[in-house]
């Protein structure tokens, strides 16, 4: 990664108004690739430094080798430095005699960067309900291809689906994905993986429940409902914004006509 750092940063992406608990200091930037003379996306984060959780760049590489559709190309990735200054140390001292007793298990993290060749639009910036639904559908296609290739995404949320210049949807943020070859009956961490607002009911109800592809698919339904309700305008100003689009999406998903009583 250090060999690639001839990049000029000039803009940081603004965050959405979705409320999240404290995370891993993930930041996104637009950057300029001098060698390719093009704009790229730079992700700066603190990755989980556990043997069972591969680095995101490695996952992108395996997905590309499996020809999974609708994923961004990873140009470069790697740890920022191998020195102690770019790795957390709290987890190494939780059992020390001088440390205060604590229930949570601290997880080691390491400073990490990733560069993608695509700068897409947020799913929340869709130009039509058709574009939004298509983007989510494309993300499900990615999910299916990744699952066939041996990976489970495990973190479906509106900010992890982006819209490309041709209105296609891409599924990003594979840093918490799980190789299906790792047979673990219980979660690998004490905290749940994913975005709480869009997790399946099973995962929220049972802390030790293993996550599978059905949980990710359930998350896509919540994404559709939330985005349609919160960010869609309605043709009838007397009705709440987004309800018209919400009913249209549900009707299309169920392949049934909209009841006359629900047409505004």
C-alpha atoms as a PDB file:
ATOM      1  CA  UNK A   1       0.000   0.000   0.000  1.00  0.00           C
ATOM      2  CA  UNK A   2       2.846   2.406   0.785  1.00  0.00           C
ATOM      3  CA  UNK A   3       4.187   2.046  -2.774  1.00  0.00           C
ATOM      4  CA  UNK A   4       0.899   3.342  -4.157  1.00  0.00           C
ATOM      5  CA  UNK A   5       0.687   6.437  -1.977  1.00  0.00           C
ATOM      6  CA  UNK A   6       1.315   9.015  -4.719  1.00  0.00           C
ATOM      7  CA  UNK A   7      -2.267  10.183  -4.468  1.00  0.00           C
ATOM      8  CA  UNK A   8      -3.652  13.686  -4.005  1.00  0.00           C
ATOM      9  CA  UNK A   9      -6.606  13.816  -1.633  1.00  0.00           C
ATOM     10  CA  UNK A  10      -9.038  16.644  -2.119  1.00  0.00           C
ATOM     11  CA  UNK A  11     -12.492  15.736  -0.866  1.00  0.00           C
ATOM     12  CA  UNK A  12     -13.945  13.742   1.983  1.00  0.00           C
ATOM     13  CA  UNK A  13     -17.365  12.184   1.557  1.00  0.00           C
ATOM     14  CA  UNK A  14     -19.980  13.542   3.912  1.00  0.00           C
ATOM     15  CA  UNK A  15     -21.797  11.036   6.080  1.00  0.00           C
ATOM     16  CA  UNK A  16     -25.513  10.350   5.831  1.00  0.00           C
ATOM     17  CA  UNK A  17     -27.952  11.215   8.570  1.00  0.00           C
ATOM     18  CA  UNK A  18     -28.235   7.593   9.653  1.00  0.00           C
ATOM     19  CA  UNK A  19     -27.270   7.274  13.315  1.00  0.00           C
ATOM     20  CA  UNK A  20     -24.674   4.613  14.108  1.00  0.00           C
ATOM     21  CA  UNK A  21     -22.929   3.631  17.334  1.00  0.00           C
ATOM     22  CA  UNK A  22     -19.168   4.236  17.535  1.00  0.00           C
ATOM     23  CA  UNK A  23     -17.374   2.234  14.869  1.00  0.00           C
ATOM     24  CA  UNK A  24     -13.874   1.779  13.457  1.00  0.00           C
ATOM     25  CA  UNK A  25     -13.146   5.362  12.353  1.00  0.00           C
ATOM     26  CA  UNK A  26     -13.926   4.527   8.710  1.00  0.00           C
ATOM     27  CA  UNK A  27     -13.591   7.514   6.375  1.00  0.00           C
ATOM     28  CA  UNK A  28     -14.104   7.805   2.621  1.00  0.00           C
ATOM     29  CA  UNK A  29     -12.274  10.161   0.268  1.00  0.00           C
ATOM     30  CA  UNK A  30     -12.196  11.010  -3.380  1.00  0.00           C
ATOM     31  CA  UNK A  31      -8.596  10.744  -4.506  1.00  0.00           C
ATOM     32  CA  UNK A  32      -6.605  11.289  -7.673  1.00  0.00           C
ATOM     33  CA  UNK A  33      -4.600   8.378  -9.069  1.00  0.00           C
ATOM     34  CA  UNK A  34      -1.550   9.999 -10.656  1.00  0.00           C
ATOM     35  CA  UNK A  35      -0.451   6.843 -12.465  1.00  0.00           C
ATOM     36  CA  UNK A  36      -3.876   6.302 -14.013  1.00  0.00           C
ATOM     37  CA  UNK A  37      -4.825   9.975 -14.265  1.00  0.00           C
ATOM     38  CA  UNK A  38      -8.281   9.291 -12.857  1.00  0.00           C
ATOM     39  CA  UNK A  39     -10.404   9.785  -9.778  1.00  0.00           C
ATOM     40  CA  UNK A  40     -10.647   6.862  -7.361  1.00  0.00           C
ATOM     41  CA  UNK A  41     -12.218   6.114  -3.998  1.00  0.00           C
ATOM     42  CA  UNK A  42      -9.957   5.822  -0.957  1.00  0.00           C
ATOM     43  CA  UNK A  43     -11.245   4.104   2.173  1.00  0.00           C
ATOM     44  CA  UNK A  44      -9.342   4.730   5.392  1.00  0.00           C
ATOM     45  CA  UNK A  45     -10.287   2.494   8.302  1.00  0.00           C
ATOM     46  CA  UNK A  46      -9.145   0.393  11.240  1.00  0.00           C
ATOM     47  CA  UNK A  47      -9.681  -3.214  10.253  1.00  0.00           C
ATOM     48  CA  UNK A  48     -10.301  -5.995  12.758  1.00  0.00           C
ATOM     49  CA  UNK A  49      -6.975  -7.762  13.208  1.00  0.00           C
ATOM     50  CA  UNK A  50      -8.131 -11.338  13.757  1.00  0.00           C
ATOM     51  CA  UNK A  51      -7.026 -14.461  11.804  1.00  0.00           C
ATOM     52  CA  UNK A  52     -10.658 -15.446  11.123  1.00  0.00           C
ATOM     53  CA  UNK A  53     -11.498 -12.099   9.475  1.00  0.00           C
ATOM     54  CA  UNK A  54      -9.552 -11.532   6.215  1.00  0.00           C
ATOM     55  CA  UNK A  55      -8.586  -8.048   5.104  1.00  0.00           C
ATOM     56  CA  UNK A  56     -11.074  -6.451   2.728  1.00  0.00           C
ATOM     57  CA  UNK A  57      -8.589  -6.236  -0.145  1.00  0.00           C
ATOM     58  CA  UNK A  58      -8.058  -9.999  -0.032  1.00  0.00           C
ATOM     59  CA  UNK A  59     -11.803 -10.542  -0.231  1.00  0.00           C
ATOM     60  CA  UNK A  60     -12.101  -8.279  -3.280  1.00  0.00           C
ATOM     61  CA  UNK A  61      -9.313 -10.221  -4.943  1.00  0.00           C
ATOM     62  CA  UNK A  62     -11.054 -13.564  -4.372  1.00  0.00           C
ATOM     63  CA  UNK A  63     -14.393 -12.180  -5.568  1.00  0.00           C
ATOM     64  CA  UNK A  64     -12.796 -10.936  -8.773  1.00  0.00           C
ATOM     65  CA  UNK A  65     -11.156 -14.306  -9.366  1.00  0.00           C
ATOM     66  CA  UNK A  66     -14.610 -15.891  -9.022  1.00  0.00           C
ATOM     67  CA  UNK A  67     -16.018 -13.370 -11.554  1.00  0.00           C
ATOM     68  CA  UNK A  68     -18.664 -12.104  -9.152  1.00  0.00           C
ATOM     69  CA  UNK A  69     -20.677  -9.380 -10.964  1.00  0.00           C
ATOM     70  CA  UNK A  70     -21.338  -5.821  -9.791  1.00  0.00           C
ATOM     71  CA  UNK A  71     -18.332  -5.343  -7.544  1.00  0.00           C
ATOM     72  CA  UNK A  72     -15.804  -2.542  -7.702  1.00  0.00           C
ATOM     73  CA  UNK A  73     -12.221  -3.248  -8.734  1.00  0.00           C
ATOM     74  CA  UNK A  74      -9.727  -2.952  -5.878  1.00  0.00           C
ATOM     75  CA  UNK A  75      -6.681  -1.088  -7.182  1.00  0.00           C
ATOM     76  CA  UNK A  76      -4.605  -1.277  -4.014  1.00  0.00           C
ATOM     77  CA  UNK A  77      -4.981  -2.213  -0.367  1.00  0.00           C
ATOM     78  CA  UNK A  78      -2.898  -2.909   2.693  1.00  0.00           C
ATOM     79  CA  UNK A  79      -1.923  -1.924   6.203  1.00  0.00           C
ATOM     80  CA  UNK A  80      -0.733   1.653   6.535  1.00  0.00           C
ATOM     81  CA  UNK A  81       2.272   0.529   8.547  1.00  0.00           C
ATOM     82  CA  UNK A  82       3.537  -2.527  10.376  1.00  0.00           C
ATOM     83  CA  UNK A  83       4.762  -0.436  13.305  1.00  0.00           C
ATOM     84  CA  UNK A  84       3.127  -0.432  16.710  1.00  0.00           C
ATOM     85  CA  UNK A  85       1.811   3.100  16.141  1.00  0.00           C
ATOM     86  CA  UNK A  86      -0.820   1.898  13.657  1.00  0.00           C
ATOM     87  CA  UNK A  87      -2.233  -0.971  15.736  1.00  0.00           C
ATOM     88  CA  UNK A  88      -4.356  -0.955  18.878  1.00  0.00           C
ATOM     89  CA  UNK A  89      -2.897  -2.445  22.046  1.00  0.00           C
ATOM     90  CA  UNK A  90      -5.793  -2.376  24.516  1.00  0.00           C
ATOM     91  CA  UNK A  91      -6.703  -6.020  23.896  1.00  0.00           C
ATOM     92  CA  UNK A  92      -3.245  -7.149  24.992  1.00  0.00           C
ATOM     93  CA  UNK A  93      -3.659  -5.694  28.500  1.00  0.00           C
ATOM     94  CA  UNK A  94      -7.241  -6.562  29.454  1.00  0.00           C
ATOM     95  CA  UNK A  95      -6.033  -9.395  31.694  1.00  0.00           C
ATOM     96  CA  UNK A  96      -3.158  -7.474  33.258  1.00  0.00           C
ATOM     97  CA  UNK A  97      -3.109  -7.303  37.056  1.00  0.00           C
ATOM     98  CA  UNK A  98      -3.296  -3.517  37.022  1.00  0.00           C
ATOM     99  CA  UNK A  99      -6.226  -3.368  34.558  1.00  0.00           C
ATOM    100  CA  UNK A 100      -9.733  -2.716  35.836  1.00  0.00           C
ATOM    101  CA  UNK A 101     -12.066  -5.715  35.397  1.00  0.00           C
ATOM    102  CA  UNK A 102     -14.272  -5.351  32.332  1.00  0.00           C
ATOM    103  CA  UNK A 103     -16.910  -7.476  30.653  1.00  0.00           C
ATOM    104  CA  UNK A 104     -16.407  -6.536  26.968  1.00  0.00           C
ATOM    105  CA  UNK A 105     -13.661  -8.293  25.049  1.00  0.00           C
ATOM    106  CA  UNK A 106     -11.516  -5.707  23.315  1.00  0.00           C
ATOM    107  CA  UNK A 107     -10.723  -6.610  19.706  1.00  0.00           C
ATOM    108  CA  UNK A 108      -7.360  -5.694  18.125  1.00  0.00           C
ATOM    109  CA  UNK A 109      -7.500  -3.327  15.150  1.00  0.00           C
ATOM    110  CA  UNK A 110      -4.947  -2.183  12.595  1.00  0.00           C
ATOM    111  CA  UNK A 111      -4.850   0.932  10.402  1.00  0.00           C
ATOM    112  CA  UNK A 112      -5.769  -0.057   6.838  1.00  0.00           C
ATOM    113  CA  UNK A 113      -6.456   1.596   3.484  1.00  0.00           C
ATOM    114  CA  UNK A 114      -8.242   0.418   0.354  1.00  0.00           C
ATOM    115  CA  UNK A 115      -8.549   2.000  -3.104  1.00  0.00           C
ATOM    116  CA  UNK A 116     -11.454   1.293  -5.484  1.00  0.00           C
ATOM    117  CA  UNK A 117     -11.739   2.339  -9.114  1.00  0.00           C
ATOM    118  CA  UNK A 118     -15.366   3.505  -8.800  1.00  0.00           C
ATOM    119  CA  UNK A 119     -16.848   6.543  -7.086  1.00  0.00           C
ATOM    120  CA  UNK A 120     -20.553   5.891  -7.006  1.00  0.00           C
ATOM    121  CA  UNK A 121     -23.603   7.712  -5.736  1.00  0.00           C
ATOM    122  CA  UNK A 122     -25.176   6.837  -2.441  1.00  0.00           C
ATOM    123  CA  UNK A 123     -28.301   4.699  -2.658  1.00  0.00           C
ATOM    124  CA  UNK A 124     -30.070   7.596  -0.940  1.00  0.00           C
ATOM    125  CA  UNK A 125     -29.352   9.778  -3.993  1.00  0.00           C
ATOM    126  CA  UNK A 126     -31.403   7.674  -6.420  1.00  0.00           C
ATOM    127  CA  UNK A 127     -33.038   9.550  -9.285  1.00  0.00           C
ATOM    128  CA  UNK A 128     -36.118   7.328  -9.520  1.00  0.00           C
ATOM    129  CA  UNK A 129     -37.756   4.509  -7.610  1.00  0.00           C
ATOM    130  CA  UNK A 130     -36.852   2.205 -10.509  1.00  0.00           C
ATOM    131  CA  UNK A 131     -33.162   3.088 -10.155  1.00  0.00           C
ATOM    132  CA  UNK A 132     -33.286   2.492  -6.403  1.00  0.00           C
ATOM    133  CA  UNK A 133     -35.012  -0.883  -6.692  1.00  0.00           C
ATOM    134  CA  UNK A 134     -32.655  -1.929  -9.501  1.00  0.00           C
ATOM    135  CA  UNK A 135     -29.622  -1.000  -7.393  1.00  0.00           C
ATOM    136  CA  UNK A 136     -30.860  -3.149  -4.502  1.00  0.00           C
ATOM    137  CA  UNK A 137     -31.637  -5.965  -6.942  1.00  0.00           C
ATOM    138  CA  UNK A 138     -28.102  -5.744  -8.337  1.00  0.00           C
ATOM    139  CA  UNK A 139     -26.743  -5.944  -4.785  1.00  0.00           C
ATOM    140  CA  UNK A 140     -28.713  -9.145  -4.251  1.00  0.00           C
ATOM    141  CA  UNK A 141     -27.170 -10.538  -7.456  1.00  0.00           C
ATOM    142  CA  UNK A 142     -23.737  -9.689  -6.025  1.00  0.00           C
ATOM    143  CA  UNK A 143     -24.694 -11.403  -2.797  1.00  0.00           C
ATOM    144  CA  UNK A 144     -25.693 -14.560  -4.674  1.00  0.00           C
ATOM    145  CA  UNK A 145     -22.447 -14.585  -6.684  1.00  0.00           C
ATOM    146  CA  UNK A 146     -20.361 -14.021  -3.574  1.00  0.00           C
ATOM    147  CA  UNK A 147     -22.199 -16.773  -1.720  1.00  0.00           C
ATOM    148  CA  UNK A 148     -21.526 -19.182  -4.590  1.00  0.00           C
ATOM    149  CA  UNK A 149     -17.873 -18.102  -4.403  1.00  0.00           C
ATOM    150  CA  UNK A 150     -17.751 -18.875  -0.682  1.00  0.00           C
ATOM    151  CA  UNK A 151     -18.387 -15.515   1.001  1.00  0.00           C
ATOM    152  CA  UNK A 152     -21.242 -14.045   3.028  1.00  0.00           C
ATOM    153  CA  UNK A 153     -21.405 -10.230   3.115  1.00  0.00           C
ATOM    154  CA  UNK A 154     -23.204  -9.913   6.499  1.00  0.00           C
ATOM    155  CA  UNK A 155     -23.548  -6.114   6.525  1.00  0.00           C
ATOM    156  CA  UNK A 156     -26.341  -4.996   4.213  1.00  0.00           C
ATOM    157  CA  UNK A 157     -27.253  -1.348   4.754  1.00  0.00           C
ATOM    158  CA  UNK A 158     -28.124   1.665   2.552  1.00  0.00           C
ATOM    159  CA  UNK A 159     -24.600   3.029   2.722  1.00  0.00           C
ATOM    160  CA  UNK A 160     -23.100  -0.262   1.496  1.00  0.00           C
ATOM    161  CA  UNK A 161     -24.995  -0.148  -1.801  1.00  0.00           C
ATOM    162  CA  UNK A 162     -23.831   2.475  -4.292  1.00  0.00           C
ATOM    163  CA  UNK A 163     -25.108   3.464  -7.739  1.00  0.00           C
ATOM    164  CA  UNK A 164     -22.669   3.529 -10.660  1.00  0.00           C
ATOM    165  CA  UNK A 165     -22.762   5.957 -13.592  1.00  0.00           C
ATOM    166  CA  UNK A 166     -24.881   3.502 -15.610  1.00  0.00           C
ATOM    167  CA  UNK A 167     -27.458   3.195 -12.778  1.00  0.00           C
ATOM    168  CA  UNK A 168     -26.251  -0.270 -11.810  1.00  0.00           C
ATOM    169  CA  UNK A 169     -25.935  -1.141  -8.143  1.00  0.00           C
ATOM    170  CA  UNK A 170     -22.697  -2.240  -6.503  1.00  0.00           C
ATOM    171  CA  UNK A 171     -22.257  -3.907  -3.128  1.00  0.00           C
ATOM    172  CA  UNK A 172     -19.270  -2.542  -1.208  1.00  0.00           C
ATOM    173  CA  UNK A 173     -17.757  -2.801   2.287  1.00  0.00           C
ATOM    174  CA  UNK A 174     -16.646  -6.430   2.434  1.00  0.00           C
ATOM    175  CA  UNK A 175     -14.428  -5.884   5.480  1.00  0.00           C
ATOM    176  CA  UNK A 176     -16.771  -7.853   7.773  1.00  0.00           C
ATOM    177  CA  UNK A 177     -17.644 -10.582   5.297  1.00  0.00           C
ATOM    178  CA  UNK A 178     -17.253 -14.190   6.334  1.00  0.00           C
ATOM    179  CA  UNK A 179     -15.632 -17.019   4.346  1.00  0.00           C
ATOM    180  CA  UNK A 180     -18.092 -19.888   4.290  1.00  0.00           C
ATOM    181  CA  UNK A 181     -15.152 -22.261   4.668  1.00  0.00           C
ATOM    182  CA  UNK A 182     -14.817 -21.053   8.265  1.00  0.00           C
ATOM    183  CA  UNK A 183     -17.285 -23.274  10.074  1.00  0.00           C
ATOM    184  CA  UNK A 184     -18.244 -21.408  13.212  1.00  0.00           C
ATOM    185  CA  UNK A 185     -21.513 -22.160  14.978  1.00  0.00           C
ATOM    186  CA  UNK A 186     -21.497 -18.963  17.012  1.00  0.00           C
ATOM    187  CA  UNK A 187     -20.460 -15.363  16.150  1.00  0.00           C
ATOM    188  CA  UNK A 188     -16.739 -14.679  15.873  1.00  0.00           C
ATOM    189  CA  UNK A 189     -17.057 -11.561  18.021  1.00  0.00           C
ATOM    190  CA  UNK A 190     -18.986 -10.657  21.149  1.00  0.00           C
ATOM    191  CA  UNK A 191     -20.776  -7.869  19.261  1.00  0.00           C
ATOM    192  CA  UNK A 192     -23.023  -8.561  16.283  1.00  0.00           C
ATOM    193  CA  UNK A 193     -21.749  -7.917  12.780  1.00  0.00           C
ATOM    194  CA  UNK A 194     -23.849  -5.562  10.701  1.00  0.00           C
ATOM    195  CA  UNK A 195     -25.916  -2.403  10.936  1.00  0.00           C
ATOM    196  CA  UNK A 196     -28.442  -2.768  13.730  1.00  0.00           C
ATOM    197  CA  UNK A 197     -31.226  -0.829  12.019  1.00  0.00           C
ATOM    198  CA  UNK A 198     -31.270  -3.315   9.124  1.00  0.00           C
ATOM    199  CA  UNK A 199     -30.416  -6.611  10.829  1.00  0.00           C
ATOM    200  CA  UNK A 200     -32.768  -9.563  10.640  1.00  0.00           C
ATOM    201  CA  UNK A 201     -35.138 -10.153  13.507  1.00  0.00           C
ATOM    202  CA  UNK A 202     -33.406 -13.426  14.317  1.00  0.00           C
ATOM    203  CA  UNK A 203     -29.998 -11.825  14.842  1.00  0.00           C
ATOM    204  CA  UNK A 204     -31.387  -9.061  17.038  1.00  0.00           C
ATOM    205  CA  UNK A 205     -33.448 -11.466  19.145  1.00  0.00           C
ATOM    206  CA  UNK A 206     -30.660 -14.017  19.678  1.00  0.00           C
ATOM    207  CA  UNK A 207     -27.172 -12.684  20.309  1.00  0.00           C
ATOM    208  CA  UNK A 208     -25.494 -16.053  19.705  1.00  0.00           C
ATOM    209  CA  UNK A 209     -27.480 -16.987  16.577  1.00  0.00           C
ATOM    210  CA  UNK A 210     -25.252 -17.782  13.567  1.00  0.00           C
ATOM    211  CA  UNK A 211     -25.745 -15.533  10.547  1.00  0.00           C
ATOM    212  CA  UNK A 212     -26.607 -16.987   7.136  1.00  0.00           C
ATOM    213  CA  UNK A 213     -27.701 -15.754   3.707  1.00  0.00           C
ATOM    214  CA  UNK A 214     -31.357 -15.483   4.755  1.00  0.00           C
ATOM    215  CA  UNK A 215     -30.435 -12.778   7.255  1.00  0.00           C
ATOM    216  CA  UNK A 216     -28.787 -10.698   4.520  1.00  0.00           C
ATOM    217  CA  UNK A 217     -31.824 -11.097   2.275  1.00  0.00           C
ATOM    218  CA  UNK A 218     -34.109  -9.964   5.073  1.00  0.00           C
ATOM    219  CA  UNK A 219     -31.944  -6.875   5.443  1.00  0.00           C
ATOM    220  CA  UNK A 220     -32.568  -5.931   1.802  1.00  0.00           C
ATOM    221  CA  UNK A 221     -36.306  -5.778   2.502  1.00  0.00           C
ATOM    222  CA  UNK A 222     -35.728  -3.356   5.373  1.00  0.00           C
ATOM    223  CA  UNK A 223     -33.468  -1.263   3.134  1.00  0.00           C
ATOM    224  CA  UNK A 224     -36.182  -0.989   0.483  1.00  0.00           C
ATOM    225  CA  UNK A 225     -38.833  -0.061   3.041  1.00  0.00           C
ATOM    226  CA  UNK A 226     -36.676   2.499   4.815  1.00  0.00           C
ATOM    227  CA  UNK A 227     -35.266   4.222   1.728  1.00  0.00           C
ATOM    228  CA  UNK A 228     -38.653   4.322  -0.003  1.00  0.00           C
ATOM    229  CA  UNK A 229     -40.384   5.732   3.056  1.00  0.00           C
ATOM    230  CA  UNK A 230     -37.726   8.262   4.022  1.00  0.00           C
ATOM    231  CA  UNK A 231     -36.352   9.485   0.702  1.00  0.00           C
ATOM    232  CA  UNK A 232     -39.115   9.162  -1.917  1.00  0.00           C
ATOM    233  CA  UNK A 233     -41.428  12.009  -2.818  1.00  0.00           C
ATOM    234  CA  UNK A 234     -45.140  11.448  -3.304  1.00  0.00           C
ATOM    235  CA  UNK A 235     -47.223  12.619  -6.239  1.00  0.00           C
ATOM    236  CA  UNK A 236     -49.973  13.634  -3.825  1.00  0.00           C
ATOM    237  CA  UNK A 237     -48.773  16.345  -1.400  1.00  0.00           C
ATOM    238  CA  UNK A 238     -51.590  15.433   0.995  1.00  0.00           C
ATOM    239  CA  UNK A 239     -49.948  12.060   1.646  1.00  0.00           C
ATOM    240  CA  UNK A 240     -46.758  11.349   3.561  1.00  0.00           C
ATOM    241  CA  UNK A 241     -43.662  11.443   1.394  1.00  0.00           C
ATOM    242  CA  UNK A 242     -42.573   8.065   0.145  1.00  0.00           C
ATOM    243  CA  UNK A 243     -45.784   6.130   0.799  1.00  0.00           C
ATOM    244  CA  UNK A 244     -46.744   6.036  -2.874  1.00  0.00           C
ATOM    245  CA  UNK A 245     -43.365   4.617  -3.812  1.00  0.00           C
ATOM    246  CA  UNK A 246     -43.506   2.200  -0.900  1.00  0.00           C
ATOM    247  CA  UNK A 247     -46.765   0.684  -2.075  1.00  0.00           C
ATOM    248  CA  UNK A 248     -45.485   0.525  -5.647  1.00  0.00           C
ATOM    249  CA  UNK A 249     -42.351  -1.335  -4.554  1.00  0.00           C
ATOM    250  CA  UNK A 250     -44.295  -3.812  -2.430  1.00  0.00           C
ATOM    251  CA  UNK A 251     -46.757  -4.413  -5.237  1.00  0.00           C
ATOM    252  CA  UNK A 252     -43.977  -5.047  -7.762  1.00  0.00           C
ATOM    253  CA  UNK A 253     -42.188  -7.334  -5.335  1.00  0.00           C
ATOM    254  CA  UNK A 254     -45.300  -9.410  -4.783  1.00  0.00           C
ATOM    255  CA  UNK A 255     -46.271  -9.316  -8.498  1.00  0.00           C
ATOM    256  CA  UNK A 256     -49.775  -8.222  -7.579  1.00  0.00           C
ATOM    257  CA  UNK A 257     -51.776  -5.182  -8.737  1.00  0.00           C
ATOM    258  CA  UNK A 258     -52.170  -2.288  -6.353  1.00  0.00           C
ATOM    259  CA  UNK A 259     -55.640  -2.274  -4.779  1.00  0.00           C
ATOM    260  CA  UNK A 260     -57.684   0.723  -6.009  1.00  0.00           C
ATOM    261  CA  UNK A 261     -58.091   1.887  -2.421  1.00  0.00           C
ATOM    262  CA  UNK A 262     -54.333   2.400  -2.129  1.00  0.00           C
ATOM    263  CA  UNK A 263     -53.890   4.465  -5.295  1.00  0.00           C
ATOM    264  CA  UNK A 264     -53.529   8.135  -4.401  1.00  0.00           C
END
